[in-house]
Amino acid sequence: MSEVSQSVNHEKRIVVLETTGRQQVFTADETFAGVGPNTLYTHSTATGDVLSFALEVVGKRTDVAGDTAAYRREWKVKNVAGVLTLVTLSSSQSEDNAAWDALPVISGTNVLIRVTGVAAQTIKWSYRGELLQVN
């Protein structure tokens, strides 16, 4: 098990549970106040890479009792000559507040996992992801 630090909106620790060849399993908890979007995780790609992602995200409002959400997302990403294409394989969710969301986003040659909340709310997000990469 190893820990990877990323600085996006604040310092955070992503715990890499397993890395085997081209497979990686990662998990972390993040708390954000306000709308966002906020980046939970970033994965860079190179030309020729093909990735399969599976992600589970759970959110809970922490400033007052109430809203919760759970998301499961699976998608494929391919990098052809530096251009990323993302294809959703499956997506399901259960949320008390329809304004919340957890989605993969393409940014240059990176895949970002982003969450969106609501103004004046503090949400704790827990997530677990798995990726498989071929290059």
Protein backbone atom coordinates (compact mmCIF):
# COMPACT_ATOMS: atom_id res chain seq x y z
CA MET A 1 0.00 0.00 0.00
CA SER A 2 1.32 3.43 -0.87
CA GLU A 3 0.14 7.00 -0.51
CA VAL A 4 0.16 9.60 -3.26
CA SER A 5 -0.27 13.30 -2.50
CA GLN A 6 -2.02 15.55 -4.99
CA SER A 7 -2.64 19.25 -4.60
CA VAL A 8 -5.80 20.45 -6.35
CA ASN A 9 -7.88 22.68 -4.07
CA HIS A 10 -6.13 21.55 -0.92
CA GLU A 11 -3.64 18.94 0.16
CA LYS A 12 -5.01 15.43 0.08
CA ARG A 13 -3.80 11.88 0.37
CA ILE A 14 -4.87 9.19 -2.04
CA VAL A 15 -4.15 5.72 -0.77
CA VAL A 16 -3.17 3.35 -3.54
CA LEU A 17 -4.31 -0.02 -2.27
CA GLU A 18 -2.86 -2.12 -5.04
CA THR A 19 -0.79 -1.67 -8.17
CA THR A 20 -0.24 -4.76 -10.30
CA GLY A 21 1.21 -4.26 -13.77
CA ARG A 22 -1.26 -1.88 -15.37
CA GLN A 23 -3.94 -2.14 -12.68
CA GLN A 24 -4.41 0.33 -9.83
CA VAL A 25 -6.93 0.43 -6.98
CA PHE A 26 -7.20 3.72 -5.08
CA THR A 27 -9.36 5.22 -2.33
CA ALA A 28 -9.65 8.49 -0.40
CA ASP A 29 -11.96 10.80 1.55
CA GLU A 30 -12.33 14.51 0.70
CA THR A 31 -14.47 17.28 2.18
CA PHE A 32 -15.43 20.32 0.10
CA ALA A 33 -17.58 23.37 0.87
CA GLY A 34 -19.61 25.00 -1.89
CA VAL A 35 -20.52 24.15 -5.43
CA GLY A 36 -17.28 23.17 -7.15
CA PRO A 37 -16.64 21.29 -9.32
CA ASN A 38 -13.84 19.81 -7.22
CA THR A 39 -11.32 17.30 -8.50
CA LEU A 40 -10.99 14.13 -6.44
CA TYR A 41 -8.45 12.32 -8.61
CA THR A 42 -6.33 12.96 -11.72
CA HIS A 43 -4.84 10.33 -14.02
CA SER A 44 -2.51 11.32 -16.85
CA THR A 45 -2.34 9.41 -20.13
CA ALA A 46 0.10 9.07 -23.01
CA THR A 47 -0.50 8.52 -26.71
CA GLY A 48 -1.66 4.95 -27.29
CA ASP A 49 -3.07 4.40 -23.80
CA VAL A 50 -6.42 2.67 -23.35
CA LEU A 51 -7.96 2.70 -19.87
CA SER A 52 -10.95 1.15 -18.19
CA PHE A 53 -12.19 2.89 -15.03
CA ALA A 54 -14.65 1.69 -12.38
CA LEU A 55 -15.60 4.18 -9.68
CA GLU A 56 -17.80 4.29 -6.59
CA VAL A 57 -18.43 7.62 -4.84
CA VAL A 58 -20.50 8.28 -1.71
CA GLY A 59 -21.32 11.79 -0.51
CA LYS A 60 -22.78 13.00 2.80
CA ARG A 61 -23.64 16.53 3.81
CA THR A 62 -21.72 17.27 7.02
CA ASP A 63 -22.72 20.84 7.99
CA VAL A 64 -26.29 19.70 8.80
CA ALA A 65 -28.01 16.31 8.78
CA GLY A 66 -29.69 15.46 5.54
CA ASP A 67 -28.57 14.93 1.97
CA THR A 68 -26.61 11.88 0.80
CA ALA A 69 -25.65 10.42 -2.56
CA ALA A 70 -24.05 7.33 -4.09
CA TYR A 71 -22.67 6.94 -7.62
CA ARG A 72 -21.26 4.07 -9.67
CA ARG A 73 -19.58 4.89 -12.93
CA GLU A 74 -17.67 2.79 -15.46
CA TRP A 75 -16.02 4.17 -18.56
CA LYS A 76 -13.33 3.61 -21.19
CA VAL A 77 -10.77 6.23 -22.22
CA LYS A 78 -8.45 6.08 -25.21
CA ASN A 79 -5.63 8.42 -26.19
CA VAL A 80 -5.12 8.58 -29.95
CA ALA A 81 -2.35 10.99 -30.97
CA GLY A 82 -2.87 13.05 -27.80
CA VAL A 83 -6.65 13.31 -28.16
CA LEU A 84 -8.69 11.64 -25.41
CA THR A 85 -12.07 10.05 -26.01
CA LEU A 86 -14.26 8.98 -23.09
CA VAL A 87 -17.06 6.43 -23.53
CA THR A 88 -19.45 5.69 -20.65
CA LEU A 89 -19.99 1.97 -20.15
CA SER A 90 -22.46 2.20 -17.25
CA SER A 91 -23.74 4.78 -14.83
CA SER A 92 -26.07 4.61 -11.83
CA GLN A 93 -26.83 6.93 -8.95
CA SER A 94 -28.99 7.60 -5.94
CA GLU A 95 -29.04 11.17 -4.67
CA ASP A 96 -31.18 13.25 -2.32
CA ASN A 97 -30.14 16.47 -4.07
CA ALA A 98 -30.20 16.40 -7.89
CA ALA A 99 -27.63 19.22 -8.06
CA TRP A 100 -24.89 16.93 -6.67
CA ASP A 101 -22.85 14.86 -9.10
CA ALA A 102 -19.72 12.75 -9.56
CA LEU A 103 -18.38 12.43 -13.12
CA PRO A 104 -15.26 11.72 -15.14
CA VAL A 105 -14.00 14.74 -17.13
CA ILE A 106 -11.36 15.05 -19.86
CA SER A 107 -8.80 17.86 -19.40
CA GLY A 108 -6.06 17.81 -22.03
CA THR A 109 -4.52 14.33 -21.76
CA ASN A 110 -5.76 13.84 -18.17
CA VAL A 111 -8.84 12.10 -16.84
CA LEU A 112 -10.29 13.90 -13.81
CA ILE A 113 -12.83 12.56 -11.35
CA ARG A 114 -14.89 15.55 -10.25
CA VAL A 115 -17.68 16.11 -7.76
CA THR A 116 -20.18 18.95 -7.65
CA GLY A 117 -22.10 20.10 -4.59
CA VAL A 118 -24.34 23.04 -3.75
CA ALA A 119 -23.48 26.54 -2.51
CA ALA A 120 -23.35 26.91 1.29
CA GLN A 121 -23.18 23.12 1.83
CA THR A 122 -20.24 21.06 3.07
CA ILE A 123 -20.05 17.54 1.67
CA LYS A 124 -17.71 14.70 2.59
CA TRP A 125 -16.98 12.48 -0.41
CA SER A 126 -15.53 8.99 -0.08
CA TYR A 127 -14.45 7.18 -3.19
CA ARG A 128 -12.90 3.98 -4.42
CA GLY A 129 -11.68 3.47 -7.94
CA GLU A 130 -10.04 0.87 -10.06
CA LEU A 131 -8.33 1.37 -13.38
CA LEU A 132 -6.81 -1.00 -15.88
CA GLN A 133 -4.44 0.43 -18.48
CA VAL A 134 -2.93 -0.87 -21.71
CA ASN A 135 -0.38 1.10 -23.69
